PDB file of N, CA and C in Angstrom:
ATOM      1  N   MET A   1    -106.987 -44.501 -30.828  1.00  0.00           N
ATOM      2  CA  MET A   1    -106.385 -45.221 -29.733  1.00  0.00           C
ATOM      3  C   MET A   1    -107.489 -45.942 -28.958  1.00  0.00           C
ATOM      4  N   LEU A   2    -107.260 -47.157 -28.654  1.00  0.00           N
ATOM      5  CA  LEU A   2    -108.193 -47.963 -27.871  1.00  0.00           C
ATOM      6  C   LEU A   2    -107.800 -47.884 -26.412  1.00  0.00           C
ATOM      7  N   ARG A   3    -108.803 -47.659 -25.559  1.00  0.00           N
ATOM      8  CA  ARG A   3    -108.542 -47.590 -24.122  1.00  0.00           C
ATOM      9  C   ARG A   3    -109.544 -48.475 -23.416  1.00  0.00           C
ATOM     10  N   ARG A   4    -109.049 -49.359 -22.589  1.00  0.00           N
ATOM     11  CA  ARG A   4    -109.918 -50.227 -21.787  1.00  0.00           C
ATOM     12  C   ARG A   4    -109.896 -49.744 -20.351  1.00  0.00           C
ATOM     13  N   GLN A   5    -111.071 -49.827 -19.724  1.00  0.00           N
ATOM     14  CA  GLN A   5    -111.185 -49.348 -18.361  1.00  0.00           C
ATOM     15  C   GLN A   5    -112.308 -50.110 -17.670  1.00  0.00           C
ATOM     16  N   LEU A   6    -112.085 -50.517 -16.451  1.00  0.00           N
ATOM     17  CA  LEU A   6    -113.098 -51.212 -15.669  1.00  0.00           C
ATOM     18  C   LEU A   6    -113.667 -50.220 -14.658  1.00  0.00           C
ATOM     19  N   VAL A   7    -114.975 -49.987 -14.729  1.00  0.00           N
ATOM     20  CA  VAL A   7    -115.613 -49.042 -13.812  1.00  0.00           C
ATOM     21  C   VAL A   7    -116.889 -49.664 -13.262  1.00  0.00           C
ATOM     22  N   GLU A   8    -117.339 -49.168 -12.131  1.00  0.00           N
ATOM     23  CA  GLU A   8    -118.578 -49.638 -11.525  1.00  0.00           C
ATOM     24  C   GLU A   8    -119.669 -48.604 -11.739  1.00  0.00           C
ATOM     25  N   GLY A   9    -120.893 -49.080 -11.828  1.00  0.00           N
ATOM     26  CA  GLY A   9    -122.037 -48.197 -11.990  1.00  0.00           C
ATOM     27  C   GLY A   9    -123.003 -48.782 -13.009  1.00  0.00           C
ATOM     28  N   SER A  10    -124.098 -48.080 -13.232  1.00  0.00           N
ATOM     29  CA  SER A  10    -125.047 -48.561 -14.235  1.00  0.00           C
ATOM     30  C   SER A  10    -124.414 -48.420 -15.615  1.00  0.00           C
ATOM     31  N   ALA A  11    -124.689 -49.374 -16.486  1.00  0.00           N
ATOM     32  CA  ALA A  11    -124.077 -49.379 -17.812  1.00  0.00           C
ATOM     33  C   ALA A  11    -124.362 -48.083 -18.571  1.00  0.00           C
ATOM     34  N   ALA A  12    -125.603 -47.637 -18.551  1.00  0.00           N
ATOM     35  CA  ALA A  12    -125.954 -46.424 -19.286  1.00  0.00           C
ATOM     36  C   ALA A  12    -125.195 -45.213 -18.743  1.00  0.00           C
ATOM     37  N   ASP A  13    -125.150 -45.049 -17.438  1.00  0.00           N
ATOM     38  CA  ASP A  13    -124.460 -43.891 -16.846  1.00  0.00           C
ATOM     39  C   ASP A  13    -122.963 -43.911 -17.142  1.00  0.00           C
ATOM     40  N   VAL A  14    -122.354 -45.075 -17.015  1.00  0.00           N
ATOM     41  CA  VAL A  14    -120.913 -45.195 -17.255  1.00  0.00           C
ATOM     42  C   VAL A  14    -120.591 -44.903 -18.716  1.00  0.00           C
ATOM     43  N   LEU A  15    -121.369 -45.479 -19.630  1.00  0.00           N
ATOM     44  CA  LEU A  15    -121.114 -45.253 -21.046  1.00  0.00           C
ATOM     45  C   LEU A  15    -121.410 -43.821 -21.470  1.00  0.00           C
ATOM     46  N   LEU A  16    -122.468 -43.234 -20.932  1.00  0.00           N
ATOM     47  CA  LEU A  16    -122.766 -41.838 -21.253  1.00  0.00           C
ATOM     48  C   LEU A  16    -121.646 -40.921 -20.774  1.00  0.00           C
ATOM     49  N   ASP A  17    -121.104 -41.188 -19.608  1.00  0.00           N
ATOM     50  CA  ASP A  17    -119.975 -40.406 -19.108  1.00  0.00           C
ATOM     51  C   ASP A  17    -118.758 -40.575 -20.029  1.00  0.00           C
ATOM     52  N   ALA A  18    -118.481 -41.800 -20.440  1.00  0.00           N
ATOM     53  CA  ALA A  18    -117.345 -42.061 -21.327  1.00  0.00           C
ATOM     54  C   ALA A  18    -117.534 -41.414 -22.687  1.00  0.00           C
ATOM     55  N   SER A  19    -118.771 -41.272 -23.131  1.00  0.00           N
ATOM     56  CA  SER A  19    -119.034 -40.726 -24.460  1.00  0.00           C
ATOM     57  C   SER A  19    -118.657 -39.248 -24.570  1.00  0.00           C
ATOM     58  N   ARG A  20    -118.504 -38.585 -23.449  1.00  0.00           N
ATOM     59  CA  ARG A  20    -118.129 -37.162 -23.482  1.00  0.00           C
ATOM     60  C   ARG A  20    -116.733 -36.938 -24.049  1.00  0.00           C
ATOM     61  N   SER A  21    -115.852 -37.927 -23.870  1.00  0.00           N
ATOM     62  CA  SER A  21    -114.480 -37.764 -24.354  1.00  0.00           C
ATOM     63  C   SER A  21    -114.097 -38.790 -25.422  1.00  0.00           C
ATOM     64  N   ALA A  22    -115.041 -39.622 -25.844  1.00  0.00           N
ATOM     65  CA  ALA A  22    -114.741 -40.670 -26.821  1.00  0.00           C
ATOM     66  C   ALA A  22    -114.965 -40.164 -28.241  1.00  0.00           C
ATOM     67  N   ALA A  23    -114.187 -40.699 -29.166  1.00  0.00           N
ATOM     68  CA  ALA A  23    -114.393 -40.400 -30.578  1.00  0.00           C
ATOM     69  C   ALA A  23    -115.543 -41.240 -31.136  1.00  0.00           C
ATOM     70  N   LEU A  24    -115.734 -42.442 -30.558  1.00  0.00           N
ATOM     71  CA  LEU A  24    -116.769 -43.350 -31.010  1.00  0.00           C
ATOM     72  C   LEU A  24    -117.045 -44.365 -29.911  1.00  0.00           C
ATOM     73  N   ILE A  25    -118.318 -44.668 -29.691  1.00  0.00           N
ATOM     74  CA  ILE A  25    -118.721 -45.734 -28.771  1.00  0.00           C
ATOM     75  C   ILE A  25    -119.220 -46.891 -29.631  1.00  0.00           C
ATOM     76  N   VAL A  26    -118.640 -48.081 -29.451  1.00  0.00           N
ATOM     77  CA  VAL A  26    -119.052 -49.273 -30.182  1.00  0.00           C
ATOM     78  C   VAL A  26    -119.692 -50.230 -29.182  1.00  0.00           C
ATOM     79  N   MET A  27    -120.907 -50.656 -29.504  1.00  0.00           N
ATOM     80  CA  MET A  27    -121.658 -51.535 -28.611  1.00  0.00           C
ATOM     81  C   MET A  27    -122.200 -52.713 -29.383  1.00  0.00           C
ATOM     82  N   GLY A  28    -122.403 -53.842 -28.704  1.00  0.00           N
ATOM     83  CA  GLY A  28    -123.097 -54.976 -29.288  1.00  0.00           C
ATOM     84  C   GLY A  28    -124.573 -54.883 -28.950  1.00  0.00           C
ATOM     85  N   ASN A  29    -125.389 -55.669 -29.668  1.00  0.00           N
ATOM     86  CA  ASN A  29    -126.805 -55.694 -29.322  1.00  0.00           C
ATOM     87  C   ASN A  29    -127.063 -56.830 -28.343  1.00  0.00           C
ATOM     88  N   ARG A  30    -128.301 -57.094 -28.048  1.00  0.00           N
ATOM     89  CA  ARG A  30    -128.665 -58.096 -27.048  1.00  0.00           C
ATOM     90  C   ARG A  30    -128.363 -59.517 -27.489  1.00  0.00           C
ATOM     91  N   GLY A  31    -128.201 -59.754 -28.779  1.00  0.00           N
ATOM     92  CA  GLY A  31    -127.898 -61.095 -29.248  1.00  0.00           C
ATOM     93  C   GLY A  31    -129.101 -61.981 -29.447  1.00  0.00           C
ATOM     94  N   ARG A  32    -130.280 -61.419 -29.509  1.00  0.00           N
ATOM     95  CA  ARG A  32    -131.484 -62.209 -29.746  1.00  0.00           C
ATOM     96  C   ARG A  32    -131.762 -62.256 -31.240  1.00  0.00           C
ATOM     97  N   GLY A  33    -132.311 -63.354 -31.679  1.00  0.00           N
ATOM     98  CA  GLY A  33    -132.648 -63.485 -33.090  1.00  0.00           C
ATOM     99  C   GLY A  33    -134.098 -63.099 -33.349  1.00  0.00           C
ATOM    100  N   GLY A  34    -134.500 -63.176 -34.603  1.00  0.00           N
ATOM    101  CA  GLY A  34    -135.879 -62.907 -34.990  1.00  0.00           C
ATOM    102  C   GLY A  34    -136.283 -61.473 -34.726  1.00  0.00           C
ATOM    103  N   PRO A  35    -137.585 -61.236 -34.579  1.00  0.00           N
ATOM    104  CA  PRO A  35    -138.074 -59.866 -34.361  1.00  0.00           C
ATOM    105  C   PRO A  35    -137.489 -59.213 -33.103  1.00  0.00           C
ATOM    106  N   ALA A  36    -137.257 -59.994 -32.055  1.00  0.00           N
ATOM    107  CA  ALA A  36    -136.695 -59.423 -30.823  1.00  0.00           C
ATOM    108  C   ALA A  36    -135.288 -58.886 -31.050  1.00  0.00           C
ATOM    109  N   GLY A  37    -134.566 -59.460 -32.002  1.00  0.00           N
ATOM    110  CA  GLY A  37    -133.214 -59.012 -32.295  1.00  0.00           C
ATOM    111  C   GLY A  37    -133.157 -57.633 -32.918  1.00  0.00           C
ATOM    112  N   ARG A  38    -134.263 -57.171 -33.443  1.00  0.00           N
ATOM    113  CA  ARG A  38    -134.309 -55.839 -34.045  1.00  0.00           C
ATOM    114  C   ARG A  38    -134.572 -54.750 -33.006  1.00  0.00           C
ATOM    115  N   LEU A  39    -134.940 -55.152 -31.821  1.00  0.00           N
ATOM    116  CA  LEU A  39    -135.235 -54.189 -30.763  1.00  0.00           C
ATOM    117  C   LEU A  39    -133.968 -53.810 -30.021  1.00  0.00           C
ATOM    118  N   LEU A  40    -133.914 -52.580 -29.563  1.00  0.00           N
ATOM    119  CA  LEU A  40    -132.782 -52.121 -28.770  1.00  0.00           C
ATOM    120  C   LEU A  40    -133.134 -52.189 -27.299  1.00  0.00           C
ATOM    121  N   GLY A  41    -132.156 -52.496 -26.482  1.00  0.00           N
ATOM    122  CA  GLY A  41    -132.346 -52.485 -25.045  1.00  0.00           C
ATOM    123  C   GLY A  41    -132.291 -51.062 -24.504  1.00  0.00           C
ATOM    124  N   SER A  42    -132.520 -50.904 -23.230  1.00  0.00           N
ATOM    125  CA  SER A  42    -132.566 -49.573 -22.626  1.00  0.00           C
ATOM    126  C   SER A  42    -131.212 -48.872 -22.670  1.00  0.00           C
ATOM    127  N   VAL A  43    -130.109 -49.616 -22.541  1.00  0.00           N
ATOM    128  CA  VAL A  43    -128.782 -48.995 -22.579  1.00  0.00           C
ATOM    129  C   VAL A  43    -128.491 -48.486 -23.988  1.00  0.00           C
ATOM    130  N   SER A  44    -128.748 -49.305 -24.998  1.00  0.00           N
ATOM    131  CA  SER A  44    -128.532 -48.880 -26.384  1.00  0.00           C
ATOM    132  C   SER A  44    -129.378 -47.668 -26.721  1.00  0.00           C
ATOM    133  N   ARG A  45    -130.623 -47.703 -26.299  1.00  0.00           N
ATOM    134  CA  ARG A  45    -131.527 -46.584 -26.578  1.00  0.00           C
ATOM    135  C   ARG A  45    -131.040 -45.307 -25.886  1.00  0.00           C
ATOM    136  N   SER A  46    -130.590 -45.424 -24.645  1.00  0.00           N
ATOM    137  CA  SER A  46    -130.054 -44.256 -23.934  1.00  0.00           C
ATOM    138  C   SER A  46    -128.842 -43.689 -24.649  1.00  0.00           C
ATOM    139  N   MET A  47    -127.966 -44.579 -25.100  1.00  0.00           N
ATOM    140  CA  MET A  47    -126.758 -44.125 -25.790  1.00  0.00           C
ATOM    141  C   MET A  47    -127.105 -43.400 -27.082  1.00  0.00           C
ATOM    142  N   LEU A  48    -128.013 -43.955 -27.871  1.00  0.00           N
ATOM    143  CA  LEU A  48    -128.377 -43.315 -29.133  1.00  0.00           C
ATOM    144  C   LEU A  48    -129.039 -41.960 -28.916  1.00  0.00           C
ATOM    145  N   ASN A  49    -129.793 -41.838 -27.840  1.00  0.00           N
ATOM    146  CA  ASN A  49    -130.516 -40.587 -27.585  1.00  0.00           C
ATOM    147  C   ASN A  49    -129.698 -39.527 -26.870  1.00  0.00           C
ATOM    148  N   ARG A  50    -128.693 -39.936 -26.070  1.00  0.00           N
ATOM    149  CA  ARG A  50    -128.055 -38.958 -25.186  1.00  0.00           C
ATOM    150  C   ARG A  50    -126.535 -38.905 -25.241  1.00  0.00           C
ATOM    151  N   ALA A  51    -125.898 -39.761 -26.034  1.00  0.00           N
ATOM    152  CA  ALA A  51    -124.431 -39.830 -26.032  1.00  0.00           C
ATOM    153  C   ALA A  51    -123.804 -38.545 -26.561  1.00  0.00           C
ATOM    154  N   GLY A  52    -122.618 -38.252 -26.039  1.00  0.00           N
ATOM    155  CA  GLY A  52    -121.869 -37.072 -26.461  1.00  0.00           C
ATOM    156  C   GLY A  52    -120.921 -37.356 -27.609  1.00  0.00           C
ATOM    157  N   SER A  53    -121.007 -38.553 -28.192  1.00  0.00           N
ATOM    158  CA  SER A  53    -120.176 -38.929 -29.333  1.00  0.00           C
ATOM    159  C   SER A  53    -120.984 -39.878 -30.213  1.00  0.00           C
ATOM    160  N   PRO A  54    -120.513 -40.173 -31.419  1.00  0.00           N
ATOM    161  CA  PRO A  54    -121.220 -41.131 -32.266  1.00  0.00           C
ATOM    162  C   PRO A  54    -121.271 -42.512 -31.615  1.00  0.00           C
ATOM    163  N   VAL A  55    -122.336 -43.240 -31.904  1.00  0.00           N
ATOM    164  CA  VAL A  55    -122.535 -44.590 -31.349  1.00  0.00           C
ATOM    165  C   VAL A  55    -122.749 -45.560 -32.505  1.00  0.00           C
ATOM    166  N   LEU A  56    -122.026 -46.674 -32.483  1.00  0.00           N
ATOM    167  CA  LEU A  56    -122.170 -47.732 -33.465  1.00  0.00           C
ATOM    168  C   LEU A  56    -122.642 -48.978 -32.732  1.00  0.00           C
ATOM    169  N   ILE A  57    -123.812 -49.512 -33.135  1.00  0.00           N
ATOM    170  CA  ILE A  57    -124.325 -50.731 -32.524  1.00  0.00           C
ATOM    171  C   ILE A  57    -124.131 -51.862 -33.521  1.00  0.00           C
ATOM    172  N   VAL A  58    -123.353 -52.839 -33.132  1.00  0.00           N
ATOM    173  CA  VAL A  58    -122.991 -53.962 -34.001  1.00  0.00           C
ATOM    174  C   VAL A  58    -123.881 -55.148 -33.669  1.00  0.00           C
ATOM    175  N   PRO A  59    -124.620 -55.654 -34.666  1.00  0.00           N
ATOM    176  CA  PRO A  59    -125.492 -56.805 -34.382  1.00  0.00           C
ATOM    177  C   PRO A  59    -124.684 -58.068 -34.140  1.00  0.00           C
ATOM    178  N   ASN A  60    -125.261 -58.956 -33.360  1.00  0.00           N
ATOM    179  CA  ASN A  60    -124.678 -60.249 -33.090  1.00  0.00           C
ATOM    180  C   ASN A  60    -124.912 -61.131 -34.307  1.00  0.00           C
ATOM    181  N   LYS A  61    -123.864 -61.510 -34.989  1.00  0.00           N
ATOM    182  CA  LYS A  61    -123.982 -62.267 -36.240  1.00  0.00           C
ATOM    183  C   LYS A  61    -124.704 -63.602 -36.050  1.00  0.00           C
ATOM    184  N   THR A  62    -124.496 -64.252 -34.928  1.00  0.00           N
ATOM    185  CA  THR A  62    -125.120 -65.554 -34.710  1.00  0.00           C
ATOM    186  C   THR A  62    -126.603 -65.456 -34.398  1.00  0.00           C
ATOM    187  N   ALA A  63    -127.100 -64.278 -34.058  1.00  0.00           N
ATOM    188  CA  ALA A  63    -128.511 -64.118 -33.695  1.00  0.00           C
ATOM    189  C   ALA A  63    -129.388 -63.800 -34.894  1.00  0.00           C
ATOM    190  N   GLN A  64    -128.810 -63.647 -36.071  1.00  0.00           N
ATOM    191  CA  GLN A  64    -129.611 -63.254 -37.232  1.00  0.00           C
ATOM    192  C   GLN A  64    -130.317 -64.397 -37.863  1.00  0.00           C
TER     193      GLN A  64
END
């Protein structure tokens, strides 16, 4: 089931809180091309290291 919700707060904190009850967190990357596109931002890195559910990071197709 897909659930949309608008919340205030830092992206990492909000997503980490949501990950406690989520089956999967799907995120996009920064959308940069070249070598910078392979790097993860601080929110993505926090999610991969601390999330309470699996995390899928989908690359931006136009940035490749």
